[in-house]
C-alpha atoms as a PDB file:
ATOM      1  CA  MET A   1     -16.106  -6.938 -13.439  1.00  0.00           C
ATOM      2  CA  TRP A   2     -18.826  -4.751 -11.971  1.00  0.00           C
ATOM      3  CA  PRO A   3     -17.740  -5.472  -8.341  1.00  0.00           C
ATOM      4  CA  PHE A   4     -14.460  -3.657  -9.060  1.00  0.00           C
ATOM      5  CA  TRP A   5     -16.377  -0.658 -10.356  1.00  0.00           C
ATOM      6  CA  LEU A   6     -18.612  -0.728  -7.301  1.00  0.00           C
ATOM      7  CA  LEU A   7     -15.476  -0.409  -5.156  1.00  0.00           C
ATOM      8  CA  PHE A   8     -14.442   2.624  -7.214  1.00  0.00           C
ATOM      9  CA  LEU A   9     -17.862   4.282  -7.359  1.00  0.00           C
ATOM     10  CA  ILE A  10     -18.509   4.247  -3.597  1.00  0.00           C
ATOM     11  CA  PRO A  11     -15.705   6.685  -2.658  1.00  0.00           C
ATOM     12  CA  GLY A  12     -16.047   8.375  -6.068  1.00  0.00           C
ATOM     13  CA  TRP A  13     -19.665   9.196  -5.274  1.00  0.00           C
ATOM     14  CA  ALA A  14     -18.741  10.431  -1.793  1.00  0.00           C
ATOM     15  CA  VAL A  15     -16.129  12.792  -3.305  1.00  0.00           C
ATOM     16  CA  LEU A  16     -18.796  14.554  -5.327  1.00  0.00           C
ATOM     17  CA  GLN A  17     -21.126  15.257  -2.411  1.00  0.00           C
ATOM     18  CA  PRO A  18     -21.282  19.011  -1.664  1.00  0.00           C
ATOM     19  CA  TYR A  19     -21.621  18.632   2.100  1.00  0.00           C
ATOM     20  CA  ARG A  20     -19.703  17.113   5.007  1.00  0.00           C
ATOM     21  CA  LEU A  21     -21.266  14.612   7.371  1.00  0.00           C
ATOM     22  CA  PRO A  22     -21.290  15.290  11.125  1.00  0.00           C
ATOM     23  CA  ARG A  23     -18.452  13.553  12.934  1.00  0.00           C
ATOM     24  CA  GLY A  24     -20.563  10.671  14.244  1.00  0.00           C
ATOM     25  CA  GLN A  25     -22.114   9.935  10.852  1.00  0.00           C
ATOM     26  CA  SER A  26     -18.732  10.295   9.170  1.00  0.00           C
ATOM     27  CA  ASN A  27     -17.210   7.720  11.524  1.00  0.00           C
ATOM     28  CA  LEU A  28     -20.082   5.338  10.777  1.00  0.00           C
ATOM     29  CA  ALA A  29     -19.746   5.870   7.021  1.00  0.00           C
ATOM     30  CA  TRP A  30     -16.009   5.182   7.082  1.00  0.00           C
ATOM     31  CA  PHE A  31     -16.510   2.078   9.219  1.00  0.00           C
ATOM     32  CA  ALA A  32     -19.167   0.760   6.837  1.00  0.00           C
ATOM     33  CA  VAL A  33     -17.083   1.449   3.731  1.00  0.00           C
ATOM     34  CA  GLY A  34     -13.953   0.004   5.349  1.00  0.00           C
ATOM     35  CA  LEU A  35     -15.871  -3.129   6.352  1.00  0.00           C
ATOM     36  CA  PHE A  36     -17.308  -3.527   2.849  1.00  0.00           C
ATOM     37  CA  PHE A  37     -13.887  -3.205   1.237  1.00  0.00           C
ATOM     38  CA  THR A  38     -12.425  -5.638   3.789  1.00  0.00           C
ATOM     39  CA  ILE A  39     -15.050  -8.266   2.970  1.00  0.00           C
ATOM     40  CA  MET A  40     -14.638  -7.810  -0.784  1.00  0.00           C
ATOM     41  CA  ILE A  41     -10.855  -8.103  -0.567  1.00  0.00           C
ATOM     42  CA  GLY A  42     -10.736 -10.807   2.090  1.00  0.00           C
ATOM     43  CA  LEU A  43     -13.454 -13.149   0.823  1.00  0.00           C
ATOM     44  CA  ARG A  44     -12.516 -13.136  -2.846  1.00  0.00           C
ATOM     45  CA  HIS A  45     -12.255 -16.534  -4.520  1.00  0.00           C
ATOM     46  CA  GLU A  46      -9.473 -17.265  -7.015  1.00  0.00           C
ATOM     47  CA  VAL A  47      -8.938 -13.557  -7.578  1.00  0.00           C
ATOM     48  CA  GLY A  48      -5.381 -12.237  -7.861  1.00  0.00           C
ATOM     49  CA  GLY A  49      -2.313 -13.259  -9.775  1.00  0.00           C
ATOM     50  CA  ASP A  50      -0.700 -15.018  -6.808  1.00  0.00           C
ATOM     51  CA  TRP A  51      -3.753 -16.980  -5.666  1.00  0.00           C
ATOM     52  CA  LEU A  52      -2.295 -20.359  -6.591  1.00  0.00           C
ATOM     53  CA  ASN A  53       0.999 -19.497  -4.882  1.00  0.00           C
ATOM     54  CA  TYR A  54      -0.636 -18.734  -1.549  1.00  0.00           C
ATOM     55  CA  LEU A  55      -2.671 -21.943  -1.305  1.00  0.00           C
ATOM     56  CA  PRO A  56       0.391 -24.241  -1.003  1.00  0.00           C
ATOM     57  CA  GLN A  57       1.883 -21.870   1.584  1.00  0.00           C
ATOM     58  CA  PHE A  58      -1.246 -22.232   3.718  1.00  0.00           C
ATOM     59  CA  TYR A  59      -1.190 -26.039   3.610  1.00  0.00           C
ATOM     60  CA  SER A  60       2.560 -26.339   4.157  1.00  0.00           C
ATOM     61  CA  ALA A  61       2.347 -24.093   7.236  1.00  0.00           C
ATOM     62  CA  GLN A  62       0.042 -26.585   8.947  1.00  0.00           C
ATOM     63  CA  SER A  63       2.787 -29.222   9.173  1.00  0.00           C
ATOM     64  CA  LEU A  64       5.228 -26.893  10.960  1.00  0.00           C
ATOM     65  CA  THR A  65       5.986 -26.601  14.640  1.00  0.00           C
ATOM     66  CA  PHE A  66       5.954 -23.160  16.243  1.00  0.00           C
ATOM     67  CA  PRO A  67       9.784 -22.830  16.250  1.00  0.00           C
ATOM     68  CA  GLU A  68       9.822 -23.846  12.587  1.00  0.00           C
ATOM     69  CA  VAL A  69       7.243 -21.157  11.819  1.00  0.00           C
ATOM     70  CA  LEU A  70       9.444 -18.474  13.366  1.00  0.00           C
ATOM     71  CA  ALA A  71      12.451 -19.707  11.397  1.00  0.00           C
ATOM     72  CA  LYS A  72      10.691 -19.335   8.058  1.00  0.00           C
ATOM     73  CA  SER A  73      11.156 -16.479   5.614  1.00  0.00           C
ATOM     74  CA  ASP A  74       8.511 -13.791   6.239  1.00  0.00           C
ATOM     75  CA  PRO A  75       7.551 -15.421   9.573  1.00  0.00           C
ATOM     76  CA  GLY A  76       4.645 -13.054  10.221  1.00  0.00           C
ATOM     77  CA  TYR A  77       2.711 -14.350   7.231  1.00  0.00           C
ATOM     78  CA  VAL A  78       3.610 -17.975   7.939  1.00  0.00           C
ATOM     79  CA  LEU A  79       2.512 -17.513  11.566  1.00  0.00           C
ATOM     80  CA  LEU A  80      -0.840 -16.101  10.434  1.00  0.00           C
ATOM     81  CA  ASN A  81      -1.403 -19.124   8.174  1.00  0.00           C
ATOM     82  CA  TRP A  82      -0.384 -21.445  10.999  1.00  0.00           C
ATOM     83  CA  LEU A  83      -2.728 -19.818  13.521  1.00  0.00           C
ATOM     84  CA  VAL A  84      -5.694 -19.718  11.137  1.00  0.00           C
ATOM     85  CA  GLY A  85      -5.182 -23.406  10.383  1.00  0.00           C
ATOM     86  CA  ARG A  86      -4.959 -24.240  14.100  1.00  0.00           C
ATOM     87  CA  ILE A  87      -8.418 -22.731  14.726  1.00  0.00           C
ATOM     88  CA  GLY A  88      -9.959 -24.604  11.797  1.00  0.00           C
ATOM     89  CA  GLY A  89      -9.819 -21.796   9.260  1.00  0.00           C
ATOM     90  CA  ASP A  90      -8.729 -21.787   5.624  1.00  0.00           C
ATOM     91  CA  ILE A  91      -7.116 -19.470   3.088  1.00  0.00           C
ATOM     92  CA  TYR A  92     -10.174 -17.199   3.203  1.00  0.00           C
ATOM     93  CA  GLY A  93      -9.557 -16.602   6.899  1.00  0.00           C
ATOM     94  CA  VAL A  94      -5.953 -15.661   6.129  1.00  0.00           C
ATOM     95  CA  ASN A  95      -7.021 -13.315   3.346  1.00  0.00           C
ATOM     96  CA  LEU A  96      -9.690 -11.728   5.545  1.00  0.00           C
ATOM     97  CA  ALA A  97      -7.152 -11.028   8.306  1.00  0.00           C
ATOM     98  CA  CYS A  98      -4.803  -9.532   5.709  1.00  0.00           C
ATOM     99  CA  ALA A  99      -7.624  -7.388   4.336  1.00  0.00           C
ATOM    100  CA  VAL A 100      -8.363  -6.053   7.838  1.00  0.00           C
ATOM    101  CA  VAL A 101      -4.792  -4.797   8.158  1.00  0.00           C
ATOM    102  CA  ALA A 102      -4.700  -3.366   4.629  1.00  0.00           C
ATOM    103  CA  MET A 103      -7.962  -1.457   5.073  1.00  0.00           C
ATOM    104  CA  TRP A 104      -7.104  -0.373   8.625  1.00  0.00           C
ATOM    105  CA  GLY A 105      -3.992   1.332   7.313  1.00  0.00           C
ATOM    106  CA  THR A 106      -5.767   2.698   4.234  1.00  0.00           C
ATOM    107  CA  VAL A 107      -8.681   4.220   6.142  1.00  0.00           C
ATOM    108  CA  ALA A 108      -6.423   5.668   8.849  1.00  0.00           C
ATOM    109  CA  PHE A 109      -4.191   7.264   6.212  1.00  0.00           C
ATOM    110  CA  CYS A 110      -7.005   8.568   4.017  1.00  0.00           C
ATOM    111  CA  ARG A 111      -8.824  10.167   6.936  1.00  0.00           C
ATOM    112  CA  ARG A 112      -5.747  12.261   7.712  1.00  0.00           C
ATOM    113  CA  GLN A 113      -5.908  13.869   4.269  1.00  0.00           C
ATOM    114  CA  PRO A 114      -7.766  17.120   3.492  1.00  0.00           C
ATOM    115  CA  ASN A 115     -10.033  15.262   1.040  1.00  0.00           C
ATOM    116  CA  PRO A 116     -10.241  11.745   2.488  1.00  0.00           C
ATOM    117  CA  TRP A 117     -12.758  10.290   0.013  1.00  0.00           C
ATOM    118  CA  LEU A 118     -10.644  11.486  -2.894  1.00  0.00           C
ATOM    119  CA  ALA A 119      -7.643   9.772  -1.312  1.00  0.00           C
ATOM    120  CA  LEU A 120      -9.616   6.517  -1.082  1.00  0.00           C
ATOM    121  CA  THR A 121     -10.784   6.871  -4.686  1.00  0.00           C
ATOM    122  CA  THR A 122      -7.140   7.223  -5.690  1.00  0.00           C
ATOM    123  CA  ALA A 123      -6.271   4.068  -3.762  1.00  0.00           C
ATOM    124  CA  VAL A 124      -8.848   1.795  -5.383  1.00  0.00           C
ATOM    125  CA  PRO A 125      -7.603   1.010  -8.923  1.00  0.00           C
ATOM    126  CA  TYR A 126      -4.110  -0.143  -8.122  1.00  0.00           C
ATOM    127  CA  MET A 127      -3.345  -0.219  -4.405  1.00  0.00           C
ATOM    128  CA  LEU A 128      -6.520  -1.980  -3.297  1.00  0.00           C
ATOM    129  CA  ILE A 129      -7.575  -3.977  -6.366  1.00  0.00           C
ATOM    130  CA  VAL A 130      -4.200  -4.992  -7.778  1.00  0.00           C
ATOM    131  CA  VAL A 131      -1.889  -5.032  -4.748  1.00  0.00           C
ATOM    132  CA  CYS A 132      -4.192  -6.045  -1.897  1.00  0.00           C
ATOM    133  CA  MET A 133      -6.091  -8.593  -4.005  1.00  0.00           C
ATOM    134  CA  GLY A 134      -3.036  -9.863  -5.843  1.00  0.00           C
ATOM    135  CA  TYR A 135       0.097  -9.445  -3.749  1.00  0.00           C
ATOM    136  CA  THR A 136      -1.449 -10.302  -0.391  1.00  0.00           C
ATOM    137  CA  ARG A 137       1.735 -10.149   1.688  1.00  0.00           C
ATOM    138  CA  GLN A 138       2.818  -6.800   0.289  1.00  0.00           C
ATOM    139  CA  GLY A 139      -0.717  -5.524   0.748  1.00  0.00           C
ATOM    140  CA  VAL A 140      -0.417  -6.288   4.464  1.00  0.00           C
ATOM    141  CA  ALA A 141       3.065  -4.751   4.660  1.00  0.00           C
ATOM    142  CA  LEU A 142       1.704  -1.658   2.911  1.00  0.00           C
ATOM    143  CA  GLY A 143      -1.161  -1.473   5.413  1.00  0.00           C
ATOM    144  CA  PHE A 144       1.312  -1.432   8.294  1.00  0.00           C
ATOM    145  CA  ALA A 145       3.466   1.094   6.402  1.00  0.00           C
ATOM    146  CA  LEU A 146       0.460   3.419   6.078  1.00  0.00           C
ATOM    147  CA  LEU A 147      -0.076   3.249   9.832  1.00  0.00           C
ATOM    148  CA  GLY A 148       3.602   4.044  10.260  1.00  0.00           C
ATOM    149  CA  LEU A 149       3.400   7.017   7.891  1.00  0.00           C
ATOM    150  CA  CYS A 150       0.451   8.383   9.873  1.00  0.00           C
ATOM    151  CA  ALA A 151       2.672   8.339  12.957  1.00  0.00           C
ATOM    152  CA  LEU A 152       5.761   9.688  11.208  1.00  0.00           C
ATOM    153  CA  GLY A 153       3.741  12.552   9.752  1.00  0.00           C
ATOM    154  CA  ARG A 154       3.149  13.649  13.338  1.00  0.00           C
ATOM    155  CA  GLY A 155       6.840  13.319  14.153  1.00  0.00           C
ATOM    156  CA  ARG A 156       6.472  10.000  16.016  1.00  0.00           C
ATOM    157  CA  VAL A 157       9.461   7.935  14.938  1.00  0.00           C
ATOM    158  CA  LEU A 158       9.205   4.947  17.288  1.00  0.00           C
ATOM    159  CA  PRO A 159       5.647   3.940  16.251  1.00  0.00           C
ATOM    160  CA  PHE A 160       6.747   4.254  12.605  1.00  0.00           C
ATOM    161  CA  VAL A 161       9.658   1.885  13.204  1.00  0.00           C
ATOM    162  CA  ILE A 162       7.399  -0.569  15.047  1.00  0.00           C
ATOM    163  CA  TRP A 163       4.703  -0.621  12.343  1.00  0.00           C
ATOM    164  CA  VAL A 164       7.243  -1.031   9.542  1.00  0.00           C
ATOM    165  CA  ALA A 165       9.060  -3.760  11.489  1.00  0.00           C
ATOM    166  CA  ILE A 166       5.798  -5.698  11.883  1.00  0.00           C
ATOM    167  CA  GLY A 167       5.119  -5.247   8.176  1.00  0.00           C
ATOM    168  CA  ALA A 168       8.607  -6.527   7.364  1.00  0.00           C
ATOM    169  CA  THR A 169       7.827  -9.835   9.076  1.00  0.00           C
ATOM    170  CA  VAL A 170       5.063 -10.310   6.498  1.00  0.00           C
ATOM    171  CA  HIS A 171       7.091  -9.096   3.505  1.00  0.00           C
ATOM    172  CA  LYS A 172      10.761  -8.318   4.112  1.00  0.00           C
ATOM    173  CA  SER A 173      10.848  -5.594   1.439  1.00  0.00           C
ATOM    174  CA  ALA A 174       9.172  -3.207   3.902  1.00  0.00           C
ATOM    175  CA  VAL A 175      12.569  -2.856   5.624  1.00  0.00           C
ATOM    176  CA  MET A 176      13.529  -0.405   2.889  1.00  0.00           C
ATOM    177  CA  LEU A 177      11.142   2.196   4.326  1.00  0.00           C
ATOM    178  CA  LEU A 178      13.022   2.541   7.609  1.00  0.00           C
ATOM    179  CA  PRO A 179      15.769   4.943   6.429  1.00  0.00           C
ATOM    180  CA  ILE A 180      13.070   7.475   5.535  1.00  0.00           C
ATOM    181  CA  ALA A 181      12.572   8.165   9.238  1.00  0.00           C
ATOM    182  CA  ALA A 182      16.220   9.093   9.723  1.00  0.00           C
ATOM    183  CA  LEU A 183      16.219  11.312   6.646  1.00  0.00           C
ATOM    184  CA  ALA A 184      12.940  13.060   7.359  1.00  0.00           C
ATOM    185  CA  THR A 185      13.232  13.888  11.042  1.00  0.00           C
ATOM    186  CA  SER A 186      14.589  17.199  12.288  1.00  0.00           C
ATOM    187  CA  ARG A 187      14.222  16.624  16.017  1.00  0.00           C
ATOM    188  CA  ASN A 188      16.328  14.287  18.161  1.00  0.00           C
ATOM    189  CA  ARG A 189      18.382  13.361  15.123  1.00  0.00           C
ATOM    190  CA  VAL A 190      21.032  11.431  17.045  1.00  0.00           C
ATOM    191  CA  PHE A 191      18.428   9.283  18.774  1.00  0.00           C
ATOM    192  CA  THR A 192      16.441   8.829  15.555  1.00  0.00           C
ATOM    193  CA  VAL A 193      19.435   7.832  13.450  1.00  0.00           C
ATOM    194  CA  ALA A 194      20.592   5.411  16.153  1.00  0.00           C
ATOM    195  CA  LEU A 195      17.115   3.880  16.482  1.00  0.00           C
ATOM    196  CA  VAL A 196      16.529   3.572  12.752  1.00  0.00           C
ATOM    197  CA  GLY A 197      20.064   2.290  12.096  1.00  0.00           C
ATOM    198  CA  ALA A 198      19.840  -0.366  14.793  1.00  0.00           C
ATOM    199  CA  SER A 199      16.345  -1.422  13.720  1.00  0.00           C
ATOM    200  CA  THR A 200      17.318  -1.623  10.055  1.00  0.00           C
ATOM    201  CA  TRP A 201      20.412  -3.709  10.821  1.00  0.00           C
ATOM    202  CA  LEU A 202      18.479  -6.035  13.133  1.00  0.00           C
ATOM    203  CA  LEU A 203      15.643  -6.606  10.669  1.00  0.00           C
ATOM    204  CA  TYR A 204      18.078  -7.076   7.810  1.00  0.00           C
ATOM    205  CA  TYR A 205      20.028  -9.630   9.851  1.00  0.00           C
ATOM    206  CA  LEU A 206      16.897 -11.516  10.949  1.00  0.00           C
ATOM    207  CA  LEU A 207      14.832 -11.380   7.758  1.00  0.00           C
ATOM    208  CA  VAL A 208      16.970 -10.575   4.735  1.00  0.00           C
ATOM    209  CA  ALA A 209      20.628 -11.528   5.215  1.00  0.00           C
ATOM    210  CA  ASP A 210      20.236 -15.258   4.569  1.00  0.00           C
ATOM    211  CA  GLU A 211      18.329 -14.623   1.343  1.00  0.00           C
ATOM    212  CA  SER A 212      20.091 -11.513   0.063  1.00  0.00           C
ATOM    213  CA  GLU A 213      22.094 -13.447  -2.532  1.00  0.00           C
ATOM    214  CA  ARG A 214      19.015 -15.258  -3.825  1.00  0.00           C
ATOM    215  CA  ILE A 215      17.070 -11.991  -4.012  1.00  0.00           C
ATOM    216  CA  TRP A 216      19.861 -10.292  -5.948  1.00  0.00           C
ATOM    217  CA  VAL A 217      20.185 -13.192  -8.388  1.00  0.00           C
ATOM    218  CA  ASN A 218      16.441 -13.520  -8.960  1.00  0.00           C
ATOM    219  CA  TYR A 219      15.665  -9.842  -9.382  1.00  0.00           C
ATOM    220  CA  VAL A 220      18.844  -8.264 -10.768  1.00  0.00           C
ATOM    221  CA  ASP A 221      21.147 -10.872 -12.323  1.00  0.00           C
ATOM    222  CA  GLU A 222      18.209 -12.585 -14.007  1.00  0.00           C
ATOM    223  CA  GLN A 223      16.914  -9.192 -15.249  1.00  0.00           C
ATOM    224  CA  LEU A 224      13.324 -10.016 -14.318  1.00  0.00           C
ATOM    225  CA  GLN A 225      10.922  -7.678 -16.102  1.00  0.00           C
ATOM    226  CA  SER A 226       7.401  -6.721 -15.047  1.00  0.00           C
ATOM    227  CA  ASP A 227       4.885  -5.919 -17.742  1.00  0.00           C
ATOM    228  CA  GLY A 228       3.640  -2.423 -16.990  1.00  0.00           C
ATOM    229  CA  GLY A 229       6.373  -1.784 -14.430  1.00  0.00           C
ATOM    230  CA  LEU A 230       7.384   1.461 -16.094  1.00  0.00           C
ATOM    231  CA  VAL A 231       3.786   2.699 -16.158  1.00  0.00           C
ATOM    232  CA  ARG A 232       3.313   1.961 -12.456  1.00  0.00           C
ATOM    233  CA  VAL A 233       6.547   3.757 -11.583  1.00  0.00           C
ATOM    234  CA  LEU A 234       5.413   6.739 -13.659  1.00  0.00           C
ATOM    235  CA  MET A 235       2.177   6.830 -11.660  1.00  0.00           C
ATOM    236  CA  ASN A 236       4.321   7.698  -8.623  1.00  0.00           C
ATOM    237  CA  VAL A 237       6.547  10.082 -10.578  1.00  0.00           C
ATOM    238  CA  VAL A 238       3.650  12.393 -11.518  1.00  0.00           C
ATOM    239  CA  PRO A 239       2.608  13.198  -7.913  1.00  0.00           C
ATOM    240  CA  ALA A 240       6.281  13.379  -6.924  1.00  0.00           C
ATOM    241  CA  ILE A 241       6.856  16.175  -9.452  1.00  0.00           C
ATOM    242  CA  LEU A 242       3.655  17.953  -8.421  1.00  0.00           C
ATOM    243  CA  LEU A 243       4.693  17.794  -4.781  1.00  0.00           C
ATOM    244  CA  ILE A 244       8.110  19.271  -5.506  1.00  0.00           C
ATOM    245  CA  ILE A 245       6.600  22.120  -7.562  1.00  0.00           C
ATOM    246  CA  PHE A 246       3.819  23.024  -5.112  1.00  0.00           C
ATOM    247  CA  ARG A 247       5.460  21.765  -1.913  1.00  0.00           C
ATOM    248  CA  LYS A 248       4.773  24.775   0.316  1.00  0.00           C
ATOM    249  CA  ARG A 249       1.154  25.116  -0.737  1.00  0.00           C
ATOM    250  CA  LEU A 250       0.400  21.414  -0.570  1.00  0.00           C
ATOM    251  CA  VAL A 251       2.210  20.751   2.716  1.00  0.00           C
ATOM    252  CA  PRO A 252       2.420  23.854   4.937  1.00  0.00           C
ATOM    253  CA  ASP A 253       3.986  21.991   7.873  1.00  0.00           C
ATOM    254  CA  PRO A 254       7.814  21.929   7.365  1.00  0.00           C
ATOM    255  CA  GLN A 255       8.331  18.626   9.198  1.00  0.00           C
ATOM    256  CA  GLU A 256       5.677  16.779   7.224  1.00  0.00           C
ATOM    257  CA  ARG A 257       6.872  18.434   4.007  1.00  0.00           C
ATOM    258  CA  LYS A 258      10.376  17.109   4.553  1.00  0.00           C
ATOM    259  CA  LEU A 259       9.042  13.581   4.987  1.00  0.00           C
ATOM    260  CA  TRP A 260       7.058  13.608   1.759  1.00  0.00           C
ATOM    261  CA  LEU A 261       9.769  15.318  -0.240  1.00  0.00           C
ATOM    262  CA  TRP A 262      12.074  12.431   0.654  1.00  0.00           C
ATOM    263  CA  ILE A 263       9.407   9.930  -0.416  1.00  0.00           C
ATOM    264  CA  ALA A 264       9.015  11.887  -3.655  1.00  0.00           C
ATOM    265  CA  ALA A 265      12.786  11.738  -4.169  1.00  0.00           C
ATOM    266  CA  PHE A 266      12.788   7.947  -3.752  1.00  0.00           C
ATOM    267  CA  ALA A 267       9.864   7.667  -6.181  1.00  0.00           C
ATOM    268  CA  LEU A 268      11.826   9.656  -8.759  1.00  0.00           C
ATOM    269  CA  VAL A 269      14.938   7.523  -8.248  1.00  0.00           C
ATOM    270  CA  CYS A 270      12.894   4.451  -9.220  1.00  0.00           C
ATOM    271  CA  LEU A 271      12.409   5.786 -12.758  1.00  0.00           C
ATOM    272  CA  PRO A 272      15.972   5.394 -14.093  1.00  0.00           C
ATOM    273  CA  LEU A 273      16.312   2.044 -12.281  1.00  0.00           C
ATOM    274  CA  VAL A 274      13.407   0.403 -14.110  1.00  0.00           C
ATOM    275  CA  GLY A 275      15.681  -0.668 -16.932  1.00  0.00           C
ATOM    276  CA  LEU A 276      17.995  -2.492 -14.509  1.00  0.00           C
ATOM    277  CA  ALA A 277      15.392  -4.856 -13.089  1.00  0.00           C
ATOM    278  CA  SER A 278      11.820  -3.704 -13.507  1.00  0.00           C
ATOM    279  CA  THR A 279      10.335  -6.422 -11.274  1.00  0.00           C
ATOM    280  CA  ALA A 280      12.505  -5.427  -8.311  1.00  0.00           C
ATOM    281  CA  VAL A 281      11.864  -1.709  -8.830  1.00  0.00           C
ATOM    282  CA  ASP A 282       8.160  -2.375  -9.358  1.00  0.00           C
ATOM    283  CA  ARG A 283       7.929  -4.156  -5.998  1.00  0.00           C
ATOM    284  CA  VAL A 284       9.815  -1.376  -4.210  1.00  0.00           C
ATOM    285  CA  ALA A 285       7.654   1.297  -5.862  1.00  0.00           C
ATOM    286  CA  LEU A 286       4.566  -0.252  -4.263  1.00  0.00           C
ATOM    287  CA  TYR A 287       5.587   1.365  -0.979  1.00  0.00           C
ATOM    288  CA  PHE A 288       5.530   4.797  -2.620  1.00  0.00           C
ATOM    289  CA  ILE A 289       1.888   4.475  -3.753  1.00  0.00           C
ATOM    290  CA  PRO A 290       0.802   6.459  -0.647  1.00  0.00           C
ATOM    291  CA  LEU A 291       2.414   9.452  -2.379  1.00  0.00           C
ATOM    292  CA  GLN A 292      -0.432   9.331  -4.905  1.00  0.00           C
ATOM    293  CA  LEU A 293      -3.052   9.403  -2.153  1.00  0.00           C
ATOM    294  CA  PHE A 294      -1.245  12.174  -0.270  1.00  0.00           C
ATOM    295  CA  VAL A 295      -0.714  14.499  -3.241  1.00  0.00           C
ATOM    296  CA  PHE A 296      -3.936  14.062  -5.202  1.00  0.00           C
ATOM    297  CA  ALA A 297      -6.025  14.527  -2.056  1.00  0.00           C
ATOM    298  CA  ARG A 298      -4.331  17.952  -1.759  1.00  0.00           C
ATOM    299  CA  ILE A 299      -4.303  19.115  -5.386  1.00  0.00           C
ATOM    300  CA  PRO A 300      -7.841  20.607  -5.146  1.00  0.00           C
ATOM    301  CA  THR A 301      -6.600  22.905  -2.361  1.00  0.00           C
ATOM    302  CA  LEU A 302      -4.583  24.744  -5.012  1.00  0.00           C
ATOM    303  CA  ALA A 303      -7.809  25.980  -6.637  1.00  0.00           C
ATOM    304  CA  SER A 304      -8.693  29.652  -6.241  1.00  0.00           C
ATOM    305  CA  THR A 305     -12.413  29.165  -6.934  1.00  0.00           C
ATOM    306  CA  ILE A 306     -15.023  26.484  -6.329  1.00  0.00           C
ATOM    307  CA  ASN A 307     -15.400  25.906 -10.072  1.00  0.00           C
ATOM    308  CA  VAL A 308     -11.676  25.276 -10.517  1.00  0.00           C
ATOM    309  CA  ARG A 309     -11.682  22.996  -7.486  1.00  0.00           C
ATOM    310  CA  THR A 310     -14.574  20.999  -8.979  1.00  0.00           C
ATOM    311  CA  ILE A 311     -12.712  20.637 -12.267  1.00  0.00           C
ATOM    312  CA  LEU A 312      -9.603  19.392 -10.459  1.00  0.00           C
ATOM    313  CA  VAL A 313     -11.594  16.852  -8.429  1.00  0.00           C
ATOM    314  CA  LEU A 314     -13.440  15.587 -11.504  1.00  0.00           C
ATOM    315  CA  GLY A 315     -10.155  15.381 -13.392  1.00  0.00           C
ATOM    316  CA  ILE A 316      -8.525  13.244 -10.684  1.00  0.00           C
ATOM    317  CA  VAL A 317     -11.557  10.942 -10.460  1.00  0.00           C
ATOM    318  CA  ALA A 318     -11.635  10.602 -14.257  1.00  0.00           C
ATOM    319  CA  TYR A 319      -7.897   9.873 -14.365  1.00  0.00           C
ATOM    320  CA  TYR A 320      -8.153   7.013 -11.878  1.00  0.00           C
ATOM    321  CA  ALA A 321     -11.316   5.709 -13.551  1.00  0.00           C
ATOM    322  CA  ALA A 322      -9.272   5.537 -16.768  1.00  0.00           C
ATOM    323  CA  VAL A 323      -6.451   3.744 -14.912  1.00  0.00           C
ATOM    324  CA  GLN A 324      -8.907   1.145 -13.640  1.00  0.00           C
ATOM    325  CA  PHE A 325     -10.590   0.719 -17.030  1.00  0.00           C
ATOM    326  CA  VAL A 326      -7.299   0.234 -18.874  1.00  0.00           C
ATOM    327  CA  TRP A 327      -5.938  -2.176 -16.282  1.00  0.00           C
ATOM    328  CA  LEU A 328      -9.058  -4.361 -16.102  1.00  0.00           C
ATOM    329  CA  ASN A 329      -9.445  -4.523 -19.878  1.00  0.00           C
ATOM    330  CA  TYR A 330      -5.914  -4.459 -21.252  1.00  0.00           C
ATOM    331  CA  ALA A 331      -3.412  -5.515 -18.564  1.00  0.00           C
ATOM    332  CA  THR A 332      -1.493  -8.673 -19.413  1.00  0.00           C
ATOM    333  CA  PHE A 333      -2.439 -10.448 -16.186  1.00  0.00           C
ATOM    334  CA  ALA A 334      -5.912  -8.989 -15.652  1.00  0.00           C
ATOM    335  CA  TYR A 335      -7.340 -12.467 -16.264  1.00  0.00           C
ATOM    336  CA  GLY A 336      -6.155 -13.321 -12.751  1.00  0.00           C
ATOM    337  CA  TRP A 337      -8.626 -10.796 -11.347  1.00  0.00           C
ATOM    338  CA  VAL A 338     -11.490 -10.937 -13.855  1.00  0.00           C
ATOM    339  CA  PRO A 339     -14.136 -12.085 -13.291  1.00  0.00           C
ATOM    340  CA  TYR A 340     -14.418 -11.234  -9.606  1.00  0.00           C
ATOM    341  CA  GLN A 341     -15.711 -14.180  -7.579  1.00  0.00           C
ATOM    342  CA  PHE A 342     -17.080 -13.871  -4.052  1.00  0.00           C
ATOM    343  CA  MET A 343     -16.434 -16.873  -1.787  1.00  0.00           C
ATOM    344  CA  PRO A 344     -19.851 -17.004  -0.034  1.00  0.00           C
ATOM    345  CA  LEU A 345     -21.566 -17.087  -3.462  1.00  0.00           C
ATOM    346  CA  TRP A 346     -19.114 -19.477  -5.084  1.00  0.00           C
END
């Protein structure tokens, strides 16, 4: 399992460096780290709980015509499989393309934070290792969502809607992020509400409506339960509470603060819903993982001295190291990830 710890230690080591790299060197470092993570995620072999589910999807996509591809559920992912197969690729090509999107969004989001390497360290144990290596489609949707949140944080609603809409073609659950734009914006509210409302209805009609009954039956009526679902929801609840308490100090900009307070509110709402259908809530809560990156990258700014700041940084790194250790060693389905196998060496 040492490759997983290597992924954690790279940004963890960068967090502890007492100096900042010049802009050019910083860009190169982030490109190199992003490329390394992309290769490790994309070229994994038989790593991830859904590995055996994705292989049949790749082979079945090759027998489809282009119109049939577009008519499938989650057509963006089916189209990617279809295109990779048409150029002679395999499931590793699909996973590599998915990893590019996931890391593109992750790096772009982390670099907008006051402590970008700490944000990336926070992302490793669950978002990158568990989600992006295990739930490939939601990892891609989350990558697009991160790009959208970067835009929405700057008050750009249309790019947010576009990124989330693209993500929803890969995993339809991303549609649930769209209302956040209408709730969080303060400018051009009529236009924003109209745009978000129309986009949400259109995507729901195209991607979700035909399967809404099946989704409800599978996730709610059947009371599907996810082992560890409550713990993962609580991981979002902690930063949500911290954000609410220290909102003005953590997020000075009122517009951006409003956005993240709404995300925090949704993360808190997930907690009492876990008992209803933990699998459904667990999948929705994946889209609120960026709250962890956003808040914990800002917590050290609360420190009044360098010593206190160092303690806070070390505490956050230690907390996520513990999360990774517990998950890799004690999670019910960790056997799907351990040992890590690298395709070129397999």
